[in-house]
Amino acid sequence: MAILAMLLTGALFLGPIFWRIWLDRQDAEADAIGADVRAAVNRRLQGESLLAVRVTPRSLWRPGRIVLSVPSGYEWLVEAAWPAVTGGAPPGYEVVFGARDARTTRSPHGAEARDLRRAA
């Protein structure tokens, strides 16, 4: 009975630690993929651009995502960079295009907030 109690107590403390280590490794992998994709996009477009790259790590139940977004009117940047992005996407990651409206911004909670126009 003491061994069982010790195993359960150990799992209670070590389980979250090992879970966090696994999540940190997934985040580090996503950061490395994001850096590679940004470098490929910068080479393809010959410098920095308005193309934003966001990478979400894969989990046990869903694939990872490489999300490309640009302000409205700049969709041609995605078309120009698409071959470099899809060529550098590793297996287990999907490439998604999400257009942003230049007049709106997203809050961390997903709600849209309109930018206030300056009075001239």
PDB file of N, CA and C in Angstrom:
ATOM      1  N   MET A   1       0.819  -1.187   0.000  1.00  0.00           N
ATOM      2  CA  MET A   1       0.000   0.000   0.000  1.00  0.00           C
ATOM      3  C   MET A   1       0.872   1.263   0.000  1.00  0.00           C
ATOM      4  N   ALA A   2       1.990   1.221   0.702  1.00  0.00           N
ATOM      5  CA  ALA A   2       2.885   2.376   0.755  1.00  0.00           C
ATOM      6  C   ALA A   2       3.522   2.639  -0.609  1.00  0.00           C
ATOM      7  N   ILE A   3       3.819   1.561  -1.335  1.00  0.00           N
ATOM      8  CA  ILE A   3       4.412   1.734  -2.661  1.00  0.00           C
ATOM      9  C   ILE A   3       3.403   2.388  -3.608  1.00  0.00           C
ATOM     10  N   LEU A   4       2.151   1.967  -3.545  1.00  0.00           N
ATOM     11  CA  LEU A   4       1.104   2.545  -4.380  1.00  0.00           C
ATOM     12  C   LEU A   4       0.901   4.029  -4.050  1.00  0.00           C
ATOM     13  N   ALA A   5       0.896   4.365  -2.793  1.00  0.00           N
ATOM     14  CA  ALA A   5       0.748   5.756  -2.388  1.00  0.00           C
ATOM     15  C   ALA A   5       1.936   6.592  -2.876  1.00  0.00           C
ATOM     16  N   MET A   6       3.120   6.016  -2.804  1.00  0.00           N
ATOM     17  CA  MET A   6       4.304   6.725  -3.261  1.00  0.00           C
ATOM     18  C   MET A   6       4.264   6.928  -4.784  1.00  0.00           C
ATOM     19  N   LEU A   7       3.813   5.931  -5.535  1.00  0.00           N
ATOM     20  CA  LEU A   7       3.700   6.059  -6.983  1.00  0.00           C
ATOM     21  C   LEU A   7       2.664   7.115  -7.367  1.00  0.00           C
ATOM     22  N   LEU A   8       1.531   7.126  -6.696  1.00  0.00           N
ATOM     23  CA  LEU A   8       0.498   8.115  -6.989  1.00  0.00           C
ATOM     24  C   LEU A   8       0.963   9.530  -6.638  1.00  0.00           C
ATOM     25  N   THR A   9       1.647   9.668  -5.539  1.00  0.00           N
ATOM     26  CA  THR A   9       2.169  10.971  -5.145  1.00  0.00           C
ATOM     27  C   THR A   9       3.242  11.439  -6.127  1.00  0.00           C
ATOM     28  N   GLY A  10       4.093  10.539  -6.553  1.00  0.00           N
ATOM     29  CA  GLY A  10       5.118  10.880  -7.538  1.00  0.00           C
ATOM     30  C   GLY A  10       4.504  11.279  -8.868  1.00  0.00           C
ATOM     31  N   ALA A  11       3.467  10.547  -9.288  1.00  0.00           N
ATOM     32  CA  ALA A  11       2.792  10.887 -10.549  1.00  0.00           C
ATOM     33  C   ALA A  11       2.099  12.243 -10.447  1.00  0.00           C
ATOM     34  N   LEU A  12       1.603  12.575  -9.273  1.00  0.00           N
ATOM     35  CA  LEU A  12       0.929  13.854  -9.082  1.00  0.00           C
ATOM     36  C   LEU A  12       1.898  15.024  -9.266  1.00  0.00           C
ATOM     37  N   PHE A  13       3.140  14.841  -8.852  1.00  0.00           N
ATOM     38  CA  PHE A  13       4.128  15.909  -8.976  1.00  0.00           C
ATOM     39  C   PHE A  13       4.910  15.836 -10.279  1.00  0.00           C
ATOM     40  N   LEU A  14       5.257  14.632 -10.726  1.00  0.00           N
ATOM     41  CA  LEU A  14       6.084  14.497 -11.916  1.00  0.00           C
ATOM     42  C   LEU A  14       5.283  14.568 -13.211  1.00  0.00           C
ATOM     43  N   GLY A  15       4.024  14.196 -13.174  1.00  0.00           N
ATOM     44  CA  GLY A  15       3.181  14.238 -14.371  1.00  0.00           C
ATOM     45  C   GLY A  15       3.108  15.623 -14.992  1.00  0.00           C
ATOM     46  N   PRO A  16       2.737  16.663 -14.242  1.00  0.00           N
ATOM     47  CA  PRO A  16       2.704  18.011 -14.825  1.00  0.00           C
ATOM     48  C   PRO A  16       4.069  18.508 -15.298  1.00  0.00           C
ATOM     49  N   ILE A  17       5.132  18.094 -14.625  1.00  0.00           N
ATOM     50  CA  ILE A  17       6.468  18.518 -15.044  1.00  0.00           C
ATOM     51  C   ILE A  17       6.809  17.917 -16.405  1.00  0.00           C
ATOM     52  N   PHE A  18       6.553  16.614 -16.572  1.00  0.00           N
ATOM     53  CA  PHE A  18       6.833  15.981 -17.854  1.00  0.00           C
ATOM     54  C   PHE A  18       5.908  16.504 -18.947  1.00  0.00           C
ATOM     55  N   TRP A  19       4.659  16.827 -18.622  1.00  0.00           N
ATOM     56  CA  TRP A  19       3.729  17.412 -19.586  1.00  0.00           C
ATOM     57  C   TRP A  19       4.252  18.772 -20.064  1.00  0.00           C
ATOM     58  N   ARG A  20       4.747  19.590 -19.135  1.00  0.00           N
ATOM     59  CA  ARG A  20       5.274  20.907 -19.489  1.00  0.00           C
ATOM     60  C   ARG A  20       6.526  20.785 -20.345  1.00  0.00           C
ATOM     61  N   ILE A  21       7.369  19.807 -20.050  1.00  0.00           N
ATOM     62  CA  ILE A  21       8.568  19.570 -20.862  1.00  0.00           C
ATOM     63  C   ILE A  21       8.167  19.210 -22.284  1.00  0.00           C
ATOM     64  N   TRP A  22       7.158  18.360 -22.447  1.00  0.00           N
ATOM     65  CA  TRP A  22       6.681  17.976 -23.768  1.00  0.00           C
ATOM     66  C   TRP A  22       6.119  19.186 -24.517  1.00  0.00           C
ATOM     67  N   LEU A  23       5.322  20.012 -23.824  1.00  0.00           N
ATOM     68  CA  LEU A  23       4.766  21.212 -24.460  1.00  0.00           C
ATOM     69  C   LEU A  23       5.860  22.192 -24.871  1.00  0.00           C
ATOM     70  N   ASP A  24       6.873  22.348 -24.034  1.00  0.00           N
ATOM     71  CA  ASP A  24       7.991  23.243 -24.363  1.00  0.00           C
ATOM     72  C   ASP A  24       8.747  22.756 -25.594  1.00  0.00           C
ATOM     73  N   ARG A  25       8.912  21.454 -25.726  1.00  0.00           N
ATOM     74  CA  ARG A  25       9.578  20.904 -26.912  1.00  0.00           C
ATOM     75  C   ARG A  25       8.738  21.145 -28.163  1.00  0.00           C
ATOM     76  N   GLN A  26       7.427  20.994 -28.047  1.00  0.00           N
ATOM     77  CA  GLN A  26       6.552  21.257 -29.187  1.00  0.00           C
ATOM     78  C   GLN A  26       6.624  22.727 -29.586  1.00  0.00           C
ATOM     79  N   ASP A  27       6.615  23.621 -28.605  1.00  0.00           N
ATOM     80  CA  ASP A  27       6.723  25.056 -28.890  1.00  0.00           C
ATOM     81  C   ASP A  27       8.068  25.396 -29.530  1.00  0.00           C
ATOM     82  N   ALA A  28       9.139  24.771 -29.060  1.00  0.00           N
ATOM     83  CA  ALA A  28      10.466  25.019 -29.636  1.00  0.00           C
ATOM     84  C   ALA A  28      10.524  24.530 -31.080  1.00  0.00           C
ATOM     85  N   GLU A  29       9.892  23.391 -31.354  1.00  0.00           N
ATOM     86  CA  GLU A  29       9.833  22.887 -32.730  1.00  0.00           C
ATOM     87  C   GLU A  29       9.056  23.858 -33.621  1.00  0.00           C
ATOM     88  N   ALA A  30       7.931  24.374 -33.123  1.00  0.00           N
ATOM     89  CA  ALA A  30       7.129  25.326 -33.898  1.00  0.00           C
ATOM     90  C   ALA A  30       7.905  26.622 -34.132  1.00  0.00           C
ATOM     91  N   ASP A  31       8.653  27.077 -33.141  1.00  0.00           N
ATOM     92  CA  ASP A  31       9.468  28.283 -33.312  1.00  0.00           C
ATOM     93  C   ASP A  31      10.546  28.079 -34.373  1.00  0.00           C
ATOM     94  N   ALA A  32      11.171  26.907 -34.376  1.00  0.00           N
ATOM     95  CA  ALA A  32      12.206  26.621 -35.381  1.00  0.00           C
ATOM     96  C   ALA A  32      11.602  26.554 -36.775  1.00  0.00           C
ATOM     97  N   ILE A  33      10.429  25.943 -36.902  1.00  0.00           N
ATOM     98  CA  ILE A  33       9.756  25.870 -38.198  1.00  0.00           C
ATOM     99  C   ILE A  33       9.371  27.273 -38.657  1.00  0.00           C
ATOM    100  N   GLY A  34       8.862  28.086 -37.734  1.00  0.00           N
ATOM    101  CA  GLY A  34       8.507  29.457 -38.072  1.00  0.00           C
ATOM    102  C   GLY A  34       9.701  30.259 -38.551  1.00  0.00           C
ATOM    103  N   ALA A  35      10.848  30.076 -37.910  1.00  0.00           N
ATOM    104  CA  ALA A  35      12.057  30.785 -38.336  1.00  0.00           C
ATOM    105  C   ALA A  35      12.491  30.341 -39.727  1.00  0.00           C
ATOM    106  N   ASP A  36      12.408  29.038 -39.992  1.00  0.00           N
ATOM    107  CA  ASP A  36      12.767  28.537 -41.321  1.00  0.00           C
ATOM    108  C   ASP A  36      11.828  29.079 -42.393  1.00  0.00           C
ATOM    109  N   VAL A  37      10.532  29.107 -42.097  1.00  0.00           N
ATOM    110  CA  VAL A  37       9.555  29.607 -43.068  1.00  0.00           C
ATOM    111  C   VAL A  37       9.758  31.099 -43.304  1.00  0.00           C
ATOM    112  N   ARG A  38       9.987  31.868 -42.237  1.00  0.00           N
ATOM    113  CA  ARG A  38      10.226  33.307 -42.405  1.00  0.00           C
ATOM    114  C   ARG A  38      11.480  33.565 -43.244  1.00  0.00           C
ATOM    115  N   ALA A  39      12.522  32.780 -43.017  1.00  0.00           N
ATOM    116  CA  ALA A  39      13.749  32.939 -43.803  1.00  0.00           C
ATOM    117  C   ALA A  39      13.497  32.606 -45.274  1.00  0.00           C
ATOM    118  N   ALA A  40      12.739  31.538 -45.536  1.00  0.00           N
ATOM    119  CA  ALA A  40      12.420  31.168 -46.919  1.00  0.00           C
ATOM    120  C   ALA A  40      11.574  32.245 -47.591  1.00  0.00           C
ATOM    121  N   VAL A  41      10.619  32.811 -46.852  1.00  0.00           N
ATOM    122  CA  VAL A  41       9.773  33.877 -47.398  1.00  0.00           C
ATOM    123  C   VAL A  41      10.620  35.118 -47.684  1.00  0.00           C
ATOM    124  N   ASN A  42      11.506  35.479 -46.778  1.00  0.00           N
ATOM    125  CA  ASN A  42      12.355  36.656 -46.981  1.00  0.00           C
ATOM    126  C   ASN A  42      13.284  36.474 -48.183  1.00  0.00           C
ATOM    127  N   ARG A  43      13.789  35.258 -48.371  1.00  0.00           N
ATOM    128  CA  ARG A  43      14.616  35.000 -49.550  1.00  0.00           C
ATOM    129  C   ARG A  43      13.785  35.094 -50.821  1.00  0.00           C
ATOM    130  N   ARG A  44      12.593  34.519 -50.775  1.00  0.00           N
ATOM    131  CA  ARG A  44      11.728  34.501 -51.963  1.00  0.00           C
ATOM    132  C   ARG A  44      11.280  35.912 -52.348  1.00  0.00           C
ATOM    133  N   LEU A  45      10.923  36.723 -51.346  1.00  0.00           N
ATOM    134  CA  LEU A  45      10.447  38.082 -51.615  1.00  0.00           C
ATOM    135  C   LEU A  45      11.579  39.110 -51.616  1.00  0.00           C
ATOM    136  N   GLN A  46      12.807  38.652 -51.434  1.00  0.00           N
ATOM    137  CA  GLN A  46      14.002  39.489 -51.443  1.00  0.00           C
ATOM    138  C   GLN A  46      13.954  40.577 -50.376  1.00  0.00           C
ATOM    139  N   GLY A  47      13.571  40.197 -49.160  1.00  0.00           N
ATOM    140  CA  GLY A  47      13.575  41.124 -48.035  1.00  0.00           C
ATOM    141  C   GLY A  47      12.323  40.999 -47.188  1.00  0.00           C
ATOM    142  N   GLU A  48      12.257  41.816 -46.153  1.00  0.00           N
ATOM    143  CA  GLU A  48      11.107  41.822 -45.256  1.00  0.00           C
ATOM    144  C   GLU A  48       9.866  42.325 -45.991  1.00  0.00           C
ATOM    145  N   SER A  49       8.700  41.847 -45.573  1.00  0.00           N
ATOM    146  CA  SER A  49       7.457  42.257 -46.217  1.00  0.00           C
ATOM    147  C   SER A  49       6.347  42.323 -45.166  1.00  0.00           C
ATOM    148  N   LEU A  50       5.143  42.568 -45.632  1.00  0.00           N
ATOM    149  CA  LEU A  50       3.974  42.626 -44.745  1.00  0.00           C
ATOM    150  C   LEU A  50       3.381  41.251 -44.491  1.00  0.00           C
ATOM    151  N   LEU A  51       4.004  40.217 -44.975  1.00  0.00           N
ATOM    152  CA  LEU A  51       3.537  38.854 -44.782  1.00  0.00           C
ATOM    153  C   LEU A  51       3.889  38.382 -43.374  1.00  0.00           C
ATOM    154  N   ALA A  52       2.878  38.033 -42.614  1.00  0.00           N
ATOM    155  CA  ALA A  52       3.089  37.547 -41.243  1.00  0.00           C
ATOM    156  C   ALA A  52       2.975  36.026 -41.231  1.00  0.00           C
ATOM    157  N   VAL A  53       3.858  35.389 -40.486  1.00  0.00           N
ATOM    158  CA  VAL A  53       3.870  33.931 -40.367  1.00  0.00           C
ATOM    159  C   VAL A  53       3.668  33.578 -38.903  1.00  0.00           C
ATOM    160  N   ARG A  54       2.648  32.759 -38.631  1.00  0.00           N
ATOM    161  CA  ARG A  54       2.395  32.278 -37.273  1.00  0.00           C
ATOM    162  C   ARG A  54       2.327  30.761 -37.321  1.00  0.00           C
ATOM    163  N   VAL A  55       3.063  30.107 -36.452  1.00  0.00           N
ATOM    164  CA  VAL A  55       3.104  28.648 -36.431  1.00  0.00           C
ATOM    165  C   VAL A  55       2.570  28.168 -35.090  1.00  0.00           C
ATOM    166  N   THR A  56       1.568  27.308 -35.145  1.00  0.00           N
ATOM    167  CA  THR A  56       1.056  26.677 -33.933  1.00  0.00           C
ATOM    168  C   THR A  56       1.539  25.232 -33.925  1.00  0.00           C
ATOM    169  N   PRO A  57       2.040  24.763 -32.792  1.00  0.00           N
ATOM    170  CA  PRO A  57       2.602  23.410 -32.753  1.00  0.00           C
ATOM    171  C   PRO A  57       1.523  22.339 -32.897  1.00  0.00           C
ATOM    172  N   ARG A  58       1.944  21.199 -33.381  1.00  0.00           N
ATOM    173  CA  ARG A  58       1.016  20.082 -33.472  1.00  0.00           C
ATOM    174  C   ARG A  58       0.825  19.476 -32.088  1.00  0.00           C
ATOM    175  N   SER A  59      -0.292  18.818 -31.930  1.00  0.00           N
ATOM    176  CA  SER A  59      -0.561  18.146 -30.660  1.00  0.00           C
ATOM    177  C   SER A  59      -0.899  16.691 -30.953  1.00  0.00           C
ATOM    178  N   LEU A  60      -1.345  16.000 -29.947  1.00  0.00           N
ATOM    179  CA  LEU A  60      -1.687  14.595 -30.141  1.00  0.00           C
ATOM    180  C   LEU A  60      -2.906  14.419 -31.041  1.00  0.00           C
ATOM    181  N   TRP A  61      -3.813  15.408 -31.049  1.00  0.00           N
ATOM    182  CA  TRP A  61      -5.092  15.254 -31.738  1.00  0.00           C
ATOM    183  C   TRP A  61      -5.229  16.088 -32.994  1.00  0.00           C
ATOM    184  N   ARG A  62      -4.310  16.985 -33.268  1.00  0.00           N
ATOM    185  CA  ARG A  62      -4.441  17.842 -34.450  1.00  0.00           C
ATOM    186  C   ARG A  62      -3.066  18.139 -35.036  1.00  0.00           C
ATOM    187  N   PRO A  63      -3.040  18.394 -36.358  1.00  0.00           N
ATOM    188  CA  PRO A  63      -1.749  18.742 -36.976  1.00  0.00           C
ATOM    189  C   PRO A  63      -1.353  20.160 -36.623  1.00  0.00           C
ATOM    190  N   GLY A  64      -0.101  20.472 -36.827  1.00  0.00           N
ATOM    191  CA  GLY A  64       0.369  21.829 -36.627  1.00  0.00           C
ATOM    192  C   GLY A  64      -0.098  22.712 -37.775  1.00  0.00           C
ATOM    193  N   ARG A  65      -0.033  24.014 -37.580  1.00  0.00           N
ATOM    194  CA  ARG A  65      -0.489  24.957 -38.599  1.00  0.00           C
ATOM    195  C   ARG A  65       0.549  26.032 -38.853  1.00  0.00           C
ATOM    196  N   ILE A  66       0.734  26.323 -40.120  1.00  0.00           N
ATOM    197  CA  ILE A  66       1.520  27.471 -40.542  1.00  0.00           C
ATOM    198  C   ILE A  66       0.522  28.434 -41.158  1.00  0.00           C
ATOM    199  N   VAL A  67       0.270  29.547 -40.471  1.00  0.00           N
ATOM    200  CA  VAL A  67      -0.735  30.507 -40.916  1.00  0.00           C
ATOM    201  C   VAL A  67      -0.040  31.715 -41.520  1.00  0.00           C
ATOM    202  N   LEU A  68      -0.369  32.003 -42.761  1.00  0.00           N
ATOM    203  CA  LEU A  68       0.154  33.178 -43.461  1.00  0.00           C
ATOM    204  C   LEU A  68      -0.945  34.217 -43.506  1.00  0.00           C
ATOM    205  N   SER A  69      -0.628  35.443 -43.154  1.00  0.00           N
ATOM    206  CA  SER A  69      -1.638  36.495 -43.211  1.00  0.00           C
ATOM    207  C   SER A  69      -1.004  37.793 -43.689  1.00  0.00           C
ATOM    208  N   VAL A  70      -1.804  38.546 -44.429  1.00  0.00           N
ATOM    209  CA  VAL A  70      -1.401  39.844 -44.967  1.00  0.00           C
ATOM    210  C   VAL A  70      -2.569  40.808 -44.841  1.00  0.00           C
ATOM    211  N   PRO A  71      -2.303  42.109 -44.840  1.00  0.00           N
ATOM    212  CA  PRO A  71      -3.413  43.065 -44.873  1.00  0.00           C
ATOM    213  C   PRO A  71      -4.167  42.927 -46.201  1.00  0.00           C
ATOM    214  N   SER A  72      -5.426  43.320 -46.211  1.00  0.00           N
ATOM    215  CA  SER A  72      -6.196  43.221 -47.450  1.00  0.00           C
ATOM    216  C   SER A  72      -5.555  44.094 -48.519  1.00  0.00           C
ATOM    217  N   GLY A  73      -5.536  43.566 -49.724  1.00  0.00           N
ATOM    218  CA  GLY A  73      -4.903  44.251 -50.831  1.00  0.00           C
ATOM    219  C   GLY A  73      -3.491  43.766 -51.106  1.00  0.00           C
ATOM    220  N   TYR A  74      -2.912  42.980 -50.204  1.00  0.00           N
ATOM    221  CA  TYR A  74      -1.551  42.477 -50.368  1.00  0.00           C
ATOM    222  C   TYR A  74      -1.525  40.960 -50.538  1.00  0.00           C
ATOM    223  N   GLU A  75      -2.597  40.398 -51.056  1.00  0.00           N
ATOM    224  CA  GLU A  75      -2.671  38.956 -51.232  1.00  0.00           C
ATOM    225  C   GLU A  75      -1.619  38.434 -52.204  1.00  0.00           C
ATOM    226  N   TRP A  76      -1.130  39.296 -53.084  1.00  0.00           N
ATOM    227  CA  TRP A  76      -0.116  38.891 -54.040  1.00  0.00           C
ATOM    228  C   TRP A  76       1.165  38.452 -53.346  1.00  0.00           C
ATOM    229  N   LEU A  77       1.411  38.939 -52.120  1.00  0.00           N
ATOM    230  CA  LEU A  77       2.591  38.504 -51.369  1.00  0.00           C
ATOM    231  C   LEU A  77       2.517  37.017 -51.039  1.00  0.00           C
ATOM    232  N   VAL A  78       1.316  36.568 -50.688  1.00  0.00           N
ATOM    233  CA  VAL A  78       1.139  35.148 -50.379  1.00  0.00           C
ATOM    234  C   VAL A  78       1.342  34.315 -51.638  1.00  0.00           C
ATOM    235  N   GLU A  79       0.805  34.790 -52.762  1.00  0.00           N
ATOM    236  CA  GLU A  79       0.982  34.067 -54.023  1.00  0.00           C
ATOM    237  C   GLU A  79       2.458  33.962 -54.393  1.00  0.00           C
ATOM    238  N   ALA A  80       3.203  35.032 -54.163  1.00  0.00           N
ATOM    239  CA  ALA A  80       4.631  35.025 -54.500  1.00  0.00           C
ATOM    240  C   ALA A  80       5.433  34.123 -53.568  1.00  0.00           C
ATOM    241  N   ALA A  81       5.041  34.058 -52.301  1.00  0.00           N
ATOM    242  CA  ALA A  81       5.803  33.284 -51.318  1.00  0.00           C
ATOM    243  C   ALA A  81       5.304  31.855 -51.165  1.00  0.00           C
ATOM    244  N   TRP A  82       4.174  31.530 -51.747  1.00  0.00           N
ATOM    245  CA  TRP A  82       3.554  30.215 -51.543  1.00  0.00           C
ATOM    246  C   TRP A  82       4.480  29.048 -51.855  1.00  0.00           C
ATOM    247  N   PRO A  83       5.214  29.036 -52.987  1.00  0.00           N
ATOM    248  CA  PRO A  83       6.094  27.889 -53.258  1.00  0.00           C
ATOM    249  C   PRO A  83       7.167  27.693 -52.191  1.00  0.00           C
ATOM    250  N   ALA A  84       7.715  28.776 -51.673  1.00  0.00           N
ATOM    251  CA  ALA A  84       8.754  28.658 -50.641  1.00  0.00           C
ATOM    252  C   ALA A  84       8.174  28.115 -49.346  1.00  0.00           C
ATOM    253  N   VAL A  85       6.939  28.512 -49.020  1.00  0.00           N
ATOM    254  CA  VAL A  85       6.317  28.071 -47.771  1.00  0.00           C
ATOM    255  C   VAL A  85       5.930  26.605 -47.849  1.00  0.00           C
ATOM    256  N   THR A  86       5.287  26.205 -48.939  1.00  0.00           N
ATOM    257  CA  THR A  86       4.852  24.813 -49.043  1.00  0.00           C
ATOM    258  C   THR A  86       6.032  23.863 -49.195  1.00  0.00           C
ATOM    259  N   GLY A  87       7.117  24.341 -49.790  1.00  0.00           N
ATOM    260  CA  GLY A  87       8.303  23.502 -49.907  1.00  0.00           C
ATOM    261  C   GLY A  87       9.004  23.297 -48.576  1.00  0.00           C
ATOM    262  N   GLY A  88       8.863  24.255 -47.664  1.00  0.00           N
ATOM    263  CA  GLY A  88       9.529  24.157 -46.367  1.00  0.00           C
ATOM    264  C   GLY A  88       8.650  23.633 -45.247  1.00  0.00           C
ATOM    265  N   ALA A  89       7.389  23.342 -45.551  1.00  0.00           N
ATOM    266  CA  ALA A  89       6.479  22.842 -44.509  1.00  0.00           C
ATOM    267  C   ALA A  89       6.786  21.373 -44.215  1.00  0.00           C
ATOM    268  N   PRO A  90       7.070  21.045 -42.962  1.00  0.00           N
ATOM    269  CA  PRO A  90       7.376  19.656 -42.628  1.00  0.00           C
ATOM    270  C   PRO A  90       6.108  18.804 -42.598  1.00  0.00           C
ATOM    271  N   PRO A  91       6.255  17.492 -42.634  1.00  0.00           N
ATOM    272  CA  PRO A  91       5.077  16.621 -42.526  1.00  0.00           C
ATOM    273  C   PRO A  91       4.405  16.820 -41.165  1.00  0.00           C
ATOM    274  N   GLY A  92       3.100  16.766 -41.159  1.00  0.00           N
ATOM    275  CA  GLY A  92       2.358  16.964 -39.924  1.00  0.00           C
ATOM    276  C   GLY A  92       1.932  18.397 -39.704  1.00  0.00           C
ATOM    277  N   TYR A  93       2.233  19.277 -40.661  1.00  0.00           N
ATOM    278  CA  TYR A  93       1.846  20.684 -40.579  1.00  0.00           C
ATOM    279  C   TYR A  93       1.052  21.045 -41.823  1.00  0.00           C
ATOM    280  N   GLU A  94       0.000  21.826 -41.636  1.00  0.00           N
ATOM    281  CA  GLU A  94      -0.790  22.306 -42.759  1.00  0.00           C
ATOM    282  C   GLU A  94      -0.560  23.802 -42.931  1.00  0.00           C
ATOM    283  N   VAL A  95      -0.575  24.252 -44.185  1.00  0.00           N
ATOM    284  CA  VAL A  95      -0.354  25.654 -44.504  1.00  0.00           C
ATOM    285  C   VAL A  95      -1.720  26.287 -44.761  1.00  0.00           C
ATOM    286  N   VAL A  96      -1.996  27.404 -44.062  1.00  0.00           N
ATOM    287  CA  VAL A  96      -3.294  28.059 -44.133  1.00  0.00           C
ATOM    288  C   VAL A  96      -3.082  29.528 -44.440  1.00  0.00           C
ATOM    289  N   PHE A  97      -3.949  30.077 -45.283  1.00  0.00           N
ATOM    290  CA  PHE A  97      -3.914  31.509 -45.579  1.00  0.00           C
ATOM    291  C   PHE A  97      -5.070  32.168 -44.856  1.00  0.00           C
ATOM    292  N   GLY A  98      -4.758  33.169 -44.036  1.00  0.00           N
ATOM    293  CA  GLY A  98      -5.786  33.920 -43.329  1.00  0.00           C
ATOM    294  C   GLY A  98      -5.591  35.397 -43.587  1.00  0.00           C
ATOM    295  N   ALA A  99      -6.474  36.013 -44.380  1.00  0.00           N
ATOM    296  CA  ALA A  99      -6.334  37.434 -44.704  1.00  0.00           C
ATOM    297  C   ALA A  99      -6.757  38.283 -43.518  1.00  0.00           C
ATOM    298  N   ARG A 100      -6.044  39.385 -43.311  1.00  0.00           N
ATOM    299  CA  ARG A 100      -6.387  40.341 -42.260  1.00  0.00           C
ATOM    300  C   ARG A 100      -6.900  41.598 -42.920  1.00  0.00           C
ATOM    301  N   ASP A 101      -7.866  42.212 -42.303  1.00  0.00           N
ATOM    302  CA  ASP A 101      -8.338  43.509 -42.763  1.00  0.00           C
ATOM    303  C   ASP A 101      -7.440  44.558 -42.113  1.00  0.00           C
ATOM    304  N   ALA A 102      -6.959  45.501 -42.896  1.00  0.00           N
ATOM    305  CA  ALA A 102      -6.032  46.506 -42.379  1.00  0.00           C
ATOM    306  C   ALA A 102      -6.696  47.422 -41.367  1.00  0.00           C
ATOM    307  N   ARG A 103      -8.022  47.502 -41.369  1.00  0.00           N
ATOM    308  CA  ARG A 103      -8.716  48.404 -40.457  1.00  0.00           C
ATOM    309  C   ARG A 103      -9.080  47.742 -39.129  1.00  0.00           C
ATOM    310  N   THR A 104      -8.929  46.443 -39.027  1.00  0.00           N
ATOM    311  CA  THR A 104      -9.305  45.767 -37.788  1.00  0.00           C
ATOM    312  C   THR A 104      -8.101  45.076 -37.183  1.00  0.00           C
ATOM    313  N   THR A 105      -8.141  44.939 -35.889  1.00  0.00           N
ATOM    314  CA  THR A 105      -7.116  44.186 -35.181  1.00  0.00           C
ATOM    315  C   THR A 105      -7.814  43.177 -34.292  1.00  0.00           C
ATOM    316  N   ARG A 106      -7.123  42.120 -33.968  1.00  0.00           N
ATOM    317  CA  ARG A 106      -7.712  41.098 -33.114  1.00  0.00           C
ATOM    318  C   ARG A 106      -7.127  41.204 -31.719  1.00  0.00           C
ATOM    319  N   SER A 107      -8.016  41.107 -30.743  1.00  0.00           N
ATOM    320  CA  SER A 107      -7.550  41.089 -29.361  1.00  0.00           C
ATOM    321  C   SER A 107      -7.141  39.668 -29.025  1.00  0.00           C
ATOM    322  N   PRO A 108      -6.453  39.433 -27.923  1.00  0.00           N
ATOM    323  CA  PRO A 108      -6.046  38.080 -27.564  1.00  0.00           C
ATOM    324  C   PRO A 108      -7.233  37.151 -27.340  1.00  0.00           C
ATOM    325  N   HIS A 109      -8.409  37.702 -27.102  1.00  0.00           N
ATOM    326  CA  HIS A 109      -9.577  36.869 -26.846  1.00  0.00           C
ATOM    327  C   HIS A 109     -10.371  36.593 -28.111  1.00  0.00           C
ATOM    328  N   GLY A 110      -9.907  37.069 -29.270  1.00  0.00           N
ATOM    329  CA  GLY A 110     -10.547  36.793 -30.538  1.00  0.00           C
ATOM    330  C   GLY A 110     -11.581  37.822 -30.953  1.00  0.00           C
ATOM    331  N   ALA A 111     -11.898  38.779 -30.131  1.00  0.00           N
ATOM    332  CA  ALA A 111     -12.890  39.792 -30.488  1.00  0.00           C
ATOM    333  C   ALA A 111     -12.224  40.845 -31.360  1.00  0.00           C
ATOM    334  N   GLU A 112     -12.948  41.326 -32.362  1.00  0.00           N
ATOM    335  CA  GLU A 112     -12.393  42.348 -33.235  1.00  0.00           C
ATOM    336  C   GLU A 112     -12.676  43.725 -32.665  1.00  0.00           C
ATOM    337  N   ALA A 113     -11.699  44.582 -32.795  1.00  0.00           N
ATOM    338  CA  ALA A 113     -11.854  45.958 -32.329  1.00  0.00           C
ATOM    339  C   ALA A 113     -11.491  46.873 -33.474  1.00  0.00           C
ATOM    340  N   ARG A 114     -12.330  47.802 -33.802  1.00  0.00           N
ATOM    341  CA  ARG A 114     -12.083  48.742 -34.896  1.00  0.00           C
ATOM    342  C   ARG A 114     -11.057  49.778 -34.449  1.00  0.00           C
ATOM    343  N   ASP A 115     -10.136  50.071 -35.350  1.00  0.00           N
ATOM    344  CA  ASP A 115      -9.185  51.149 -35.062  1.00  0.00           C
ATOM    345  C   ASP A 115      -9.914  52.485 -35.172  1.00  0.00           C
ATOM    346  N   LEU A 116      -9.574  53.355 -34.294  1.00  0.00           N
ATOM    347  CA  LEU A 116     -10.183  54.683 -34.338  1.00  0.00           C
ATOM    348  C   LEU A 116      -9.479  55.523 -35.383  1.00  0.00           C
ATOM    349  N   ARG A 117     -10.240  56.208 -36.190  1.00  0.00           N
ATOM    350  CA  ARG A 117      -9.659  57.077 -37.195  1.00  0.00           C
ATOM    351  C   ARG A 117      -9.247  58.394 -36.559  1.00  0.00           C
ATOM    352  N   ARG A 118      -8.125  58.884 -37.008  1.00  0.00           N
ATOM    353  CA  ARG A 118      -7.636  60.164 -36.476  1.00  0.00           C
ATOM    354  C   ARG A 118      -8.450  61.314 -37.042  1.00  0.00           C
ATOM    355  N   ALA A 119      -8.732  62.245 -36.191  1.00  0.00           N
ATOM    356  CA  ALA A 119      -9.410  63.461 -36.653  1.00  0.00           C
ATOM    357  C   ALA A 119      -8.355  64.386 -37.240  1.00  0.00           C
ATOM    358  N   ALA A 120      -8.619  64.896 -38.403  1.00  0.00           N
ATOM    359  CA  ALA A 120      -7.633  65.741 -39.070  1.00  0.00           C
ATOM    360  C   ALA A 120      -7.706  67.163 -38.619  1.00  0.00           C
TER     361      ALA A 120
END
